Amino acid sequence: METLSFEFPAGQPPKGRALVGCVGSGDLEVLLEPGTPGTLSIQVQTSVNGAQLRWQHLFERIFQQPTPPALNIEIHDFGATPGVVRLRLEQGFEEIGHD
């Protein structure tokens, strides 16, 4: 297991929080909670060692435009593909009411 941390510029925090997905069978769980204004913080616990750069590039693509809300995001990964990661994050954004 490896724990990774990332930070990106963000806007204001949303009011809602969400939990999407589940750990197991190559999937992942994502918890989104309101964060500190101006900062998007991401913590990833992954079963795939040495994947820091892959996660960094994925998040840079996802949070490039538009400015994301200020969130604390916890991801518990069990070998999910980048497509599944993006899907779960989009589901979480939909649940908190951020397009």
PDB file of N, CA and C in Angstrom:
ATOM      1  N   MET A   1       0.850  -1.186   0.000  1.00  0.00           N
ATOM      2  CA  MET A   1       0.000   0.000   0.000  1.00  0.00           C
ATOM      3  C   MET A   1       0.885   1.235   0.000  1.00  0.00           C
ATOM      4  N   GLU A   2       0.424   2.240  -0.699  1.00  0.00           N
ATOM      5  CA  GLU A   2       1.134   3.502  -0.784  1.00  0.00           C
ATOM      6  C   GLU A   2       0.130   4.627  -0.596  1.00  0.00           C
ATOM      7  N   THR A   3       0.528   5.694   0.116  1.00  0.00           N
ATOM      8  CA  THR A   3      -0.319   6.866   0.304  1.00  0.00           C
ATOM      9  C   THR A   3       0.312   8.030  -0.432  1.00  0.00           C
ATOM     10  N   LEU A   4      -0.475   8.685  -1.293  1.00  0.00           N
ATOM     11  CA  LEU A   4      -0.005   9.805  -2.108  1.00  0.00           C
ATOM     12  C   LEU A   4      -0.822  11.040  -1.774  1.00  0.00           C
ATOM     13  N   SER A   5      -0.191  12.211  -1.851  1.00  0.00           N
ATOM     14  CA  SER A   5      -0.880  13.477  -1.572  1.00  0.00           C
ATOM     15  C   SER A   5      -0.668  14.438  -2.735  1.00  0.00           C
ATOM     16  N   PHE A   6      -1.740  15.156  -3.078  1.00  0.00           N
ATOM     17  CA  PHE A   6      -1.695  16.126  -4.166  1.00  0.00           C
ATOM     18  C   PHE A   6      -2.484  17.364  -3.752  1.00  0.00           C
ATOM     19  N   GLU A   7      -2.096  18.535  -4.290  1.00  0.00           N
ATOM     20  CA  GLU A   7      -2.833  19.780  -4.065  1.00  0.00           C
ATOM     21  C   GLU A   7      -2.918  20.552  -5.367  1.00  0.00           C
ATOM     22  N   PHE A   8      -4.079  21.177  -5.589  1.00  0.00           N
ATOM     23  CA  PHE A   8      -4.313  21.989  -6.773  1.00  0.00           C
ATOM     24  C   PHE A   8      -5.062  23.250  -6.364  1.00  0.00           C
ATOM     25  N   PRO A   9      -4.936  24.332  -7.157  1.00  0.00           N
ATOM     26  CA  PRO A   9      -5.720  25.537  -6.882  1.00  0.00           C
ATOM     27  C   PRO A   9      -7.209  25.241  -7.069  1.00  0.00           C
ATOM     28  N   ALA A  10      -8.037  25.903  -6.282  1.00  0.00           N
ATOM     29  CA  ALA A  10      -9.480  25.657  -6.334  1.00  0.00           C
ATOM     30  C   ALA A  10     -10.243  26.931  -6.019  1.00  0.00           C
ATOM     31  N   GLY A  11     -11.533  26.840  -6.176  1.00  0.00           N
ATOM     32  CA  GLY A  11     -12.426  27.959  -5.847  1.00  0.00           C
ATOM     33  C   GLY A  11     -12.928  27.850  -4.425  1.00  0.00           C
ATOM     34  N   GLN A  12     -14.227  28.021  -4.276  1.00  0.00           N
ATOM     35  CA  GLN A  12     -14.867  27.952  -2.961  1.00  0.00           C
ATOM     36  C   GLN A  12     -15.355  26.527  -2.678  1.00  0.00           C
ATOM     37  N   PRO A  13     -15.469  26.167  -1.407  1.00  0.00           N
ATOM     38  CA  PRO A  13     -15.954  24.822  -1.083  1.00  0.00           C
ATOM     39  C   PRO A  13     -17.454  24.677  -1.367  1.00  0.00           C
ATOM     40  N   PRO A  14     -17.872  23.484  -1.762  1.00  0.00           N
ATOM     41  CA  PRO A  14     -19.297  23.227  -1.922  1.00  0.00           C
ATOM     42  C   PRO A  14     -19.931  22.984  -0.562  1.00  0.00           C
ATOM     43  N   LYS A  15     -21.243  22.924  -0.519  1.00  0.00           N
ATOM     44  CA  LYS A  15     -21.924  22.649   0.748  1.00  0.00           C
ATOM     45  C   LYS A  15     -22.060  21.160   1.003  1.00  0.00           C
ATOM     46  N   GLY A  16     -22.106  20.383  -0.075  1.00  0.00           N
ATOM     47  CA  GLY A  16     -22.359  18.956   0.072  1.00  0.00           C
ATOM     48  C   GLY A  16     -21.111  18.110   0.200  1.00  0.00           C
ATOM     49  N   ARG A  17     -21.359  16.840   0.514  1.00  0.00           N
ATOM     50  CA  ARG A  17     -20.294  15.835   0.530  1.00  0.00           C
ATOM     51  C   ARG A  17     -20.854  14.588  -0.125  1.00  0.00           C
ATOM     52  N   ALA A  18     -19.933  13.715  -0.575  1.00  0.00           N
ATOM     53  CA  ALA A  18     -20.380  12.516  -1.277  1.00  0.00           C
ATOM     54  C   ALA A  18     -19.413  11.372  -1.052  1.00  0.00           C
ATOM     55  N   LEU A  19     -19.952  10.159  -1.145  1.00  0.00           N
ATOM     56  CA  LEU A  19     -19.171   8.922  -1.108  1.00  0.00           C
ATOM     57  C   LEU A  19     -19.654   8.087  -2.279  1.00  0.00           C
ATOM     58  N   VAL A  20     -18.733   7.770  -3.203  1.00  0.00           N
ATOM     59  CA  VAL A  20     -19.088   6.981  -4.386  1.00  0.00           C
ATOM     60  C   VAL A  20     -18.112   5.833  -4.569  1.00  0.00           C
ATOM     61  N   GLY A  21     -18.597   4.757  -5.178  1.00  0.00           N
ATOM     62  CA  GLY A  21     -17.768   3.598  -5.461  1.00  0.00           C
ATOM     63  C   GLY A  21     -17.583   2.705  -4.254  1.00  0.00           C
ATOM     64  N   CYS A  22     -16.818   1.651  -4.462  1.00  0.00           N
ATOM     65  CA  CYS A  22     -16.477   0.733  -3.378  1.00  0.00           C
ATOM     66  C   CYS A  22     -15.132   0.096  -3.697  1.00  0.00           C
ATOM     67  N   VAL A  23     -14.381  -0.227  -2.683  1.00  0.00           N
ATOM     68  CA  VAL A  23     -13.066  -0.829  -2.875  1.00  0.00           C
ATOM     69  C   VAL A  23     -13.250  -2.323  -3.107  1.00  0.00           C
ATOM     70  N   GLY A  24     -12.564  -2.842  -4.074  1.00  0.00           N
ATOM     71  CA  GLY A  24     -12.635  -4.272  -4.382  1.00  0.00           C
ATOM     72  C   GLY A  24     -12.861  -4.497  -5.861  1.00  0.00           C
ATOM     73  N   SER A  25     -12.434  -5.618  -6.358  1.00  0.00           N
ATOM     74  CA  SER A  25     -12.631  -6.001  -7.763  1.00  0.00           C
ATOM     75  C   SER A  25     -12.111  -4.951  -8.740  1.00  0.00           C
ATOM     76  N   GLY A  26     -10.957  -4.361  -8.466  1.00  0.00           N
ATOM     77  CA  GLY A  26     -10.365  -3.385  -9.375  1.00  0.00           C
ATOM     78  C   GLY A  26     -11.093  -2.065  -9.411  1.00  0.00           C
ATOM     79  N   ASP A  27     -11.776  -1.706  -8.362  1.00  0.00           N
ATOM     80  CA  ASP A  27     -12.524  -0.456  -8.323  1.00  0.00           C
ATOM     81  C   ASP A  27     -11.912   0.454  -7.265  1.00  0.00           C
ATOM     82  N   LEU A  28     -12.592   1.522  -6.946  1.00  0.00           N
ATOM     83  CA  LEU A  28     -12.116   2.422  -5.910  1.00  0.00           C
ATOM     84  C   LEU A  28     -13.280   3.146  -5.259  1.00  0.00           C
ATOM     85  N   GLU A  29     -12.987   3.709  -4.102  1.00  0.00           N
ATOM     86  CA  GLU A  29     -13.950   4.478  -3.322  1.00  0.00           C
ATOM     87  C   GLU A  29     -13.438   5.907  -3.262  1.00  0.00           C
ATOM     88  N   VAL A  30     -14.350   6.871  -3.438  1.00  0.00           N
ATOM     89  CA  VAL A  30     -13.979   8.288  -3.406  1.00  0.00           C
ATOM     90  C   VAL A  30     -14.892   9.007  -2.417  1.00  0.00           C
ATOM     91  N   LEU A  31     -14.284   9.711  -1.469  1.00  0.00           N
ATOM     92  CA  LEU A  31     -14.991  10.533  -0.493  1.00  0.00           C
ATOM     93  C   LEU A  31     -14.646  11.986  -0.781  1.00  0.00           C
ATOM     94  N   LEU A  32     -15.666  12.810  -1.004  1.00  0.00           N
ATOM     95  CA  LEU A  32     -15.478  14.232  -1.254  1.00  0.00           C
ATOM     96  C   LEU A  32     -16.122  15.012  -0.122  1.00  0.00           C
ATOM     97  N   GLU A  33     -15.361  15.918   0.499  1.00  0.00           N
ATOM     98  CA  GLU A  33     -15.858  16.764   1.577  1.00  0.00           C
ATOM     99  C   GLU A  33     -15.417  18.199   1.330  1.00  0.00           C
ATOM    100  N   PRO A  34     -16.219  19.185   1.802  1.00  0.00           N
ATOM    101  CA  PRO A  34     -15.808  20.583   1.637  1.00  0.00           C
ATOM    102  C   PRO A  34     -14.422  20.811   2.229  1.00  0.00           C
ATOM    103  N   GLY A  35     -13.626  21.630   1.535  1.00  0.00           N
ATOM    104  CA  GLY A  35     -12.261  21.896   1.976  1.00  0.00           C
ATOM    105  C   GLY A  35     -12.030  23.357   2.284  1.00  0.00           C
ATOM    106  N   THR A  36     -10.770  23.731   2.321  1.00  0.00           N
ATOM    107  CA  THR A  36     -10.342  25.105   2.582  1.00  0.00           C
ATOM    108  C   THR A  36     -10.445  25.916   1.292  1.00  0.00           C
ATOM    109  N   PRO A  37     -11.066  27.104   1.331  1.00  0.00           N
ATOM    110  CA  PRO A  37     -11.170  27.911   0.110  1.00  0.00           C
ATOM    111  C   PRO A  37      -9.814  28.073  -0.576  1.00  0.00           C
ATOM    112  N   GLY A  38      -9.815  27.877  -1.901  1.00  0.00           N
ATOM    113  CA  GLY A  38      -8.599  28.043  -2.691  1.00  0.00           C
ATOM    114  C   GLY A  38      -7.745  26.798  -2.846  1.00  0.00           C
ATOM    115  N   THR A  39      -8.104  25.700  -2.170  1.00  0.00           N
ATOM    116  CA  THR A  39      -7.257  24.504  -2.207  1.00  0.00           C
ATOM    117  C   THR A  39      -8.075  23.232  -2.422  1.00  0.00           C
ATOM    118  N   LEU A  40      -7.630  22.440  -3.373  1.00  0.00           N
ATOM    119  CA  LEU A  40      -8.165  21.104  -3.588  1.00  0.00           C
ATOM    120  C   LEU A  40      -7.087  20.136  -3.102  1.00  0.00           C
ATOM    121  N   SER A  41      -7.378  19.383  -2.053  1.00  0.00           N
ATOM    122  CA  SER A  41      -6.434  18.428  -1.473  1.00  0.00           C
ATOM    123  C   SER A  41      -6.900  17.012  -1.771  1.00  0.00           C
ATOM    124  N   ILE A  42      -5.981  16.177  -2.232  1.00  0.00           N
ATOM    125  CA  ILE A  42      -6.314  14.801  -2.577  1.00  0.00           C
ATOM    126  C   ILE A  42      -5.349  13.857  -1.869  1.00  0.00           C
ATOM    127  N   GLN A  43      -5.906  12.862  -1.190  1.00  0.00           N
ATOM    128  CA  GLN A  43      -5.137  11.790  -0.560  1.00  0.00           C
ATOM    129  C   GLN A  43      -5.533  10.486  -1.254  1.00  0.00           C
ATOM    130  N   VAL A  44      -4.548   9.765  -1.757  1.00  0.00           N
ATOM    131  CA  VAL A  44      -4.810   8.495  -2.440  1.00  0.00           C
ATOM    132  C   VAL A  44      -4.128   7.376  -1.676  1.00  0.00           C
ATOM    133  N   GLN A  45      -4.895   6.389  -1.276  1.00  0.00           N
ATOM    134  CA  GLN A  45      -4.332   5.149  -0.735  1.00  0.00           C
ATOM    135  C   GLN A  45      -4.504   4.112  -1.826  1.00  0.00           C
ATOM    136  N   THR A  46      -3.385   3.593  -2.332  1.00  0.00           N
ATOM    137  CA  THR A  46      -3.444   2.700  -3.477  1.00  0.00           C
ATOM    138  C   THR A  46      -2.672   1.413  -3.219  1.00  0.00           C
ATOM    139  N   SER A  47      -3.152   0.351  -3.822  1.00  0.00           N
ATOM    140  CA  SER A  47      -2.471  -0.937  -3.738  1.00  0.00           C
ATOM    141  C   SER A  47      -1.382  -1.052  -4.799  1.00  0.00           C
ATOM    142  N   VAL A  48      -1.284  -0.050  -5.692  1.00  0.00           N
ATOM    143  CA  VAL A  48      -0.315  -0.070  -6.783  1.00  0.00           C
ATOM    144  C   VAL A  48       0.870   0.819  -6.411  1.00  0.00           C
ATOM    145  N   ASN A  49       1.972   0.225  -6.046  1.00  0.00           N
ATOM    146  CA  ASN A  49       3.166   0.990  -5.679  1.00  0.00           C
ATOM    147  C   ASN A  49       3.833   1.591  -6.914  1.00  0.00           C
ATOM    148  N   GLY A  50       4.413   2.791  -6.745  1.00  0.00           N
ATOM    149  CA  GLY A  50       5.154   3.445  -7.819  1.00  0.00           C
ATOM    150  C   GLY A  50       4.289   4.133  -8.860  1.00  0.00           C
ATOM    151  N   ALA A  51       3.035   4.460  -8.538  1.00  0.00           N
ATOM    152  CA  ALA A  51       2.119   5.048  -9.513  1.00  0.00           C
ATOM    153  C   ALA A  51       1.919   6.555  -9.319  1.00  0.00           C
ATOM    154  N   GLN A  52       2.774   7.208  -8.556  1.00  0.00           N
ATOM    155  CA  GLN A  52       2.624   8.646  -8.254  1.00  0.00           C
ATOM    156  C   GLN A  52       2.485   9.482  -9.525  1.00  0.00           C
ATOM    157  N   LEU A  53       3.349   9.259 -10.495  1.00  0.00           N
ATOM    158  CA  LEU A  53       3.338  10.066 -11.715  1.00  0.00           C
ATOM    159  C   LEU A  53       2.050   9.848 -12.513  1.00  0.00           C
ATOM    160  N   ARG A  54       1.561   8.624 -12.559  1.00  0.00           N
ATOM    161  CA  ARG A  54       0.300   8.331 -13.266  1.00  0.00           C
ATOM    162  C   ARG A  54      -0.855   9.101 -12.628  1.00  0.00           C
ATOM    163  N   TRP A  55      -0.927   9.084 -11.287  1.00  0.00           N
ATOM    164  CA  TRP A  55      -1.974   9.826 -10.582  1.00  0.00           C
ATOM    165  C   TRP A  55      -1.828  11.326 -10.822  1.00  0.00           C
ATOM    166  N   GLN A  56      -0.604  11.838 -10.749  1.00  0.00           N
ATOM    167  CA  GLN A  56      -0.354  13.273 -10.959  1.00  0.00           C
ATOM    168  C   GLN A  56      -0.868  13.708 -12.331  1.00  0.00           C
ATOM    169  N   HIS A  57      -0.518  12.971 -13.366  1.00  0.00           N
ATOM    170  CA  HIS A  57      -0.940  13.331 -14.727  1.00  0.00           C
ATOM    171  C   HIS A  57      -2.462  13.257 -14.869  1.00  0.00           C
ATOM    172  N   LEU A  58      -3.066  12.248 -14.282  1.00  0.00           N
ATOM    173  CA  LEU A  58      -4.520  12.107 -14.342  1.00  0.00           C
ATOM    174  C   LEU A  58      -5.207  13.305 -13.693  1.00  0.00           C
ATOM    175  N   PHE A  59      -4.781  13.673 -12.491  1.00  0.00           N
ATOM    176  CA  PHE A  59      -5.400  14.805 -11.794  1.00  0.00           C
ATOM    177  C   PHE A  59      -5.154  16.119 -12.527  1.00  0.00           C
ATOM    178  N   GLU A  60      -3.981  16.295 -13.107  1.00  0.00           N
ATOM    179  CA  GLU A  60      -3.708  17.512 -13.873  1.00  0.00           C
ATOM    180  C   GLU A  60      -4.674  17.646 -15.041  1.00  0.00           C
ATOM    181  N   ARG A  61      -4.986  16.545 -15.714  1.00  0.00           N
ATOM    182  CA  ARG A  61      -5.949  16.585 -16.823  1.00  0.00           C
ATOM    183  C   ARG A  61      -7.363  16.869 -16.316  1.00  0.00           C
ATOM    184  N   ILE A  62      -7.757  16.214 -15.238  1.00  0.00           N
ATOM    185  CA  ILE A  62      -9.120  16.360 -14.730  1.00  0.00           C
ATOM    186  C   ILE A  62      -9.370  17.760 -14.169  1.00  0.00           C
ATOM    187  N   PHE A  63      -8.417  18.309 -13.418  1.00  0.00           N
ATOM    188  CA  PHE A  63      -8.643  19.571 -12.702  1.00  0.00           C
ATOM    189  C   PHE A  63      -8.031  20.779 -13.397  1.00  0.00           C
ATOM    190  N   GLN A  64      -7.719  20.642 -14.681  1.00  0.00           N
ATOM    191  CA  GLN A  64      -7.139  21.730 -15.451  1.00  0.00           C
ATOM    192  C   GLN A  64      -8.151  22.846 -15.694  1.00  0.00           C
ATOM    193  N   GLN A  65      -9.328  22.527 -16.174  1.00  0.00           N
ATOM    194  CA  GLN A  65     -10.379  23.487 -16.486  1.00  0.00           C
ATOM    195  C   GLN A  65     -11.718  22.842 -16.192  1.00  0.00           C
ATOM    196  N   PRO A  66     -12.718  23.470 -15.773  1.00  0.00           N
ATOM    197  CA  PRO A  66     -12.681  24.756 -15.077  1.00  0.00           C
ATOM    198  C   PRO A  66     -12.112  24.586 -13.670  1.00  0.00           C
ATOM    199  N   THR A  67     -12.013  25.688 -12.960  1.00  0.00           N
ATOM    200  CA  THR A  67     -11.481  25.642 -11.603  1.00  0.00           C
ATOM    201  C   THR A  67     -12.366  24.749 -10.735  1.00  0.00           C
ATOM    202  N   PRO A  68     -11.779  23.741 -10.092  1.00  0.00           N
ATOM    203  CA  PRO A  68     -12.573  22.833  -9.259  1.00  0.00           C
ATOM    204  C   PRO A  68     -12.974  23.501  -7.940  1.00  0.00           C
ATOM    205  N   PRO A  69     -13.988  22.955  -7.277  1.00  0.00           N
ATOM    206  CA  PRO A  69     -14.346  23.476  -5.955  1.00  0.00           C
ATOM    207  C   PRO A  69     -13.286  23.069  -4.929  1.00  0.00           C
ATOM    208  N   ALA A  70     -13.224  23.803  -3.828  1.00  0.00           N
ATOM    209  CA  ALA A  70     -12.282  23.477  -2.742  1.00  0.00           C
ATOM    210  C   ALA A  70     -12.802  22.231  -2.026  1.00  0.00           C
ATOM    211  N   LEU A  71     -12.055  21.161  -2.136  1.00  0.00           N
ATOM    212  CA  LEU A  71     -12.468  19.890  -1.561  1.00  0.00           C
ATOM    213  C   LEU A  71     -11.311  19.192  -0.884  1.00  0.00           C
ATOM    214  N   ASN A  72     -11.651  18.326   0.041  1.00  0.00           N
ATOM    215  CA  ASN A  72     -10.743  17.309   0.547  1.00  0.00           C
ATOM    216  C   ASN A  72     -11.257  16.013  -0.050  1.00  0.00           C
ATOM    217  N   ILE A  73     -10.434  15.390  -0.883  1.00  0.00           N
ATOM    218  CA  ILE A  73     -10.829  14.154  -1.548  1.00  0.00           C
ATOM    219  C   ILE A  73      -9.958  13.021  -1.034  1.00  0.00           C
ATOM    220  N   GLU A  74     -10.600  11.954  -0.588  1.00  0.00           N
ATOM    221  CA  GLU A  74      -9.896  10.740  -0.184  1.00  0.00           C
ATOM    222  C   GLU A  74     -10.257   9.648  -1.175  1.00  0.00           C
ATOM    223  N   ILE A  75      -9.231   9.008  -1.718  1.00  0.00           N
ATOM    224  CA  ILE A  75      -9.431   7.933  -2.671  1.00  0.00           C
ATOM    225  C   ILE A  75      -8.797   6.668  -2.113  1.00  0.00           C
ATOM    226  N   HIS A  76      -9.582   5.604  -2.060  1.00  0.00           N
ATOM    227  CA  HIS A  76      -9.077   4.287  -1.657  1.00  0.00           C
ATOM    228  C   HIS A  76      -9.122   3.418  -2.903  1.00  0.00           C
ATOM    229  N   ASP A  77      -7.945   3.135  -3.462  1.00  0.00           N
ATOM    230  CA  ASP A  77      -7.826   2.491  -4.762  1.00  0.00           C
ATOM    231  C   ASP A  77      -7.415   1.034  -4.629  1.00  0.00           C
ATOM    232  N   PHE A  78      -8.004   0.205  -5.469  1.00  0.00           N
ATOM    233  CA  PHE A  78      -7.619  -1.194  -5.542  1.00  0.00           C
ATOM    234  C   PHE A  78      -7.310  -1.537  -6.994  1.00  0.00           C
ATOM    235  N   GLY A  79      -6.445  -0.704  -7.621  1.00  0.00           N
ATOM    236  CA  GLY A  79      -5.999  -0.953  -8.987  1.00  0.00           C
ATOM    237  C   GLY A  79      -6.953  -0.481 -10.063  1.00  0.00           C
ATOM    238  N   ALA A  80      -7.727   0.561  -9.801  1.00  0.00           N
ATOM    239  CA  ALA A  80      -8.681   1.074 -10.789  1.00  0.00           C
ATOM    240  C   ALA A  80      -7.951   1.707 -11.972  1.00  0.00           C
ATOM    241  N   THR A  81      -8.571   1.637 -13.133  1.00  0.00           N
ATOM    242  CA  THR A  81      -8.017   2.283 -14.323  1.00  0.00           C
ATOM    243  C   THR A  81      -8.293   3.783 -14.266  1.00  0.00           C
ATOM    244  N   PRO A  82      -7.543   4.596 -15.039  1.00  0.00           N
ATOM    245  CA  PRO A  82      -7.801   6.045 -15.061  1.00  0.00           C
ATOM    246  C   PRO A  82      -9.245   6.381 -15.438  1.00  0.00           C
ATOM    247  N   GLY A  83      -9.848   5.606 -16.334  1.00  0.00           N
ATOM    248  CA  GLY A  83     -11.239   5.857 -16.716  1.00  0.00           C
ATOM    249  C   GLY A  83     -12.200   5.700 -15.552  1.00  0.00           C
ATOM    250  N   VAL A  84     -11.965   4.697 -14.717  1.00  0.00           N
ATOM    251  CA  VAL A  84     -12.819   4.486 -13.541  1.00  0.00           C
ATOM    252  C   VAL A  84     -12.612   5.606 -12.524  1.00  0.00           C
ATOM    253  N   VAL A  85     -11.377   6.042 -12.359  1.00  0.00           N
ATOM    254  CA  VAL A  85     -11.096   7.150 -11.434  1.00  0.00           C
ATOM    255  C   VAL A  85     -11.882   8.386 -11.872  1.00  0.00           C
ATOM    256  N   ARG A  86     -11.796   8.718 -13.154  1.00  0.00           N
ATOM    257  CA  ARG A  86     -12.506   9.888 -13.670  1.00  0.00           C
ATOM    258  C   ARG A  86     -14.021   9.733 -13.483  1.00  0.00           C
ATOM    259  N   LEU A  87     -14.550   8.556 -13.783  1.00  0.00           N
ATOM    260  CA  LEU A  87     -15.977   8.299 -13.621  1.00  0.00           C
ATOM    261  C   LEU A  87     -16.417   8.514 -12.181  1.00  0.00           C
ATOM    262  N   ARG A  88     -15.684   7.962 -11.216  1.00  0.00           N
ATOM    263  CA  ARG A  88     -16.050   8.105  -9.805  1.00  0.00           C
ATOM    264  C   ARG A  88     -15.966   9.568  -9.361  1.00  0.00           C
ATOM    265  N   LEU A  89     -14.945  10.298  -9.809  1.00  0.00           N
ATOM    266  CA  LEU A  89     -14.850  11.715  -9.451  1.00  0.00           C
ATOM    267  C   LEU A  89     -16.029  12.496 -10.038  1.00  0.00           C
ATOM    268  N   GLU A  90     -16.393  12.210 -11.289  1.00  0.00           N
ATOM    269  CA  GLU A  90     -17.538  12.887 -11.902  1.00  0.00           C
ATOM    270  C   GLU A  90     -18.831  12.552 -11.167  1.00  0.00           C
ATOM    271  N   GLN A  91     -18.983  11.304 -10.733  1.00  0.00           N
ATOM    272  CA  GLN A  91     -20.161  10.929  -9.943  1.00  0.00           C
ATOM    273  C   GLN A  91     -20.194  11.716  -8.635  1.00  0.00           C
ATOM    274  N   GLY A  92     -19.051  11.832  -7.988  1.00  0.00           N
ATOM    275  CA  GLY A  92     -18.976  12.588  -6.739  1.00  0.00           C
ATOM    276  C   GLY A  92     -19.316  14.056  -6.938  1.00  0.00           C
ATOM    277  N   PHE A  93     -18.787  14.667  -8.019  1.00  0.00           N
ATOM    278  CA  PHE A  93     -19.102  16.063  -8.311  1.00  0.00           C
ATOM    279  C   PHE A  93     -20.589  16.244  -8.566  1.00  0.00           C
ATOM    280  N   GLU A  94     -21.200  15.287  -9.246  1.00  0.00           N
ATOM    281  CA  GLU A  94     -22.635  15.364  -9.500  1.00  0.00           C
ATOM    282  C   GLU A  94     -23.427  15.312  -8.187  1.00  0.00           C
ATOM    283  N   GLU A  95     -23.007  14.463  -7.274  1.00  0.00           N
ATOM    284  CA  GLU A  95     -23.721  14.333  -5.997  1.00  0.00           C
ATOM    285  C   GLU A  95     -23.607  15.583  -5.129  1.00  0.00           C
ATOM    286  N   ILE A  96     -22.466  16.279  -5.195  1.00  0.00           N
ATOM    287  CA  ILE A  96     -22.321  17.501  -4.376  1.00  0.00           C
ATOM    288  C   ILE A  96     -22.897  18.711  -5.089  1.00  0.00           C
ATOM    289  N   GLY A  97     -23.371  18.502  -6.331  1.00  0.00           N
ATOM    290  CA  GLY A  97     -24.006  19.602  -7.057  1.00  0.00           C
ATOM    291  C   GLY A  97     -23.047  20.499  -7.793  1.00  0.00           C
ATOM    292  N   HIS A  98     -21.876  19.980  -8.171  1.00  0.00           N
ATOM    293  CA  HIS A  98     -20.899  20.768  -8.938  1.00  0.00           C
ATOM    294  C   HIS A  98     -20.788  20.168 -10.322  1.00  0.00           C
ATOM    295  N   ASP A  99     -21.045  20.970 -11.370  1.00  0.00           N
ATOM    296  CA  ASP A  99     -20.969  20.473 -12.763  1.00  0.00           C
ATOM    297  C   ASP A  99     -19.565  20.511 -13.284  1.00  0.00           C
TER     298      ASP A  99
END
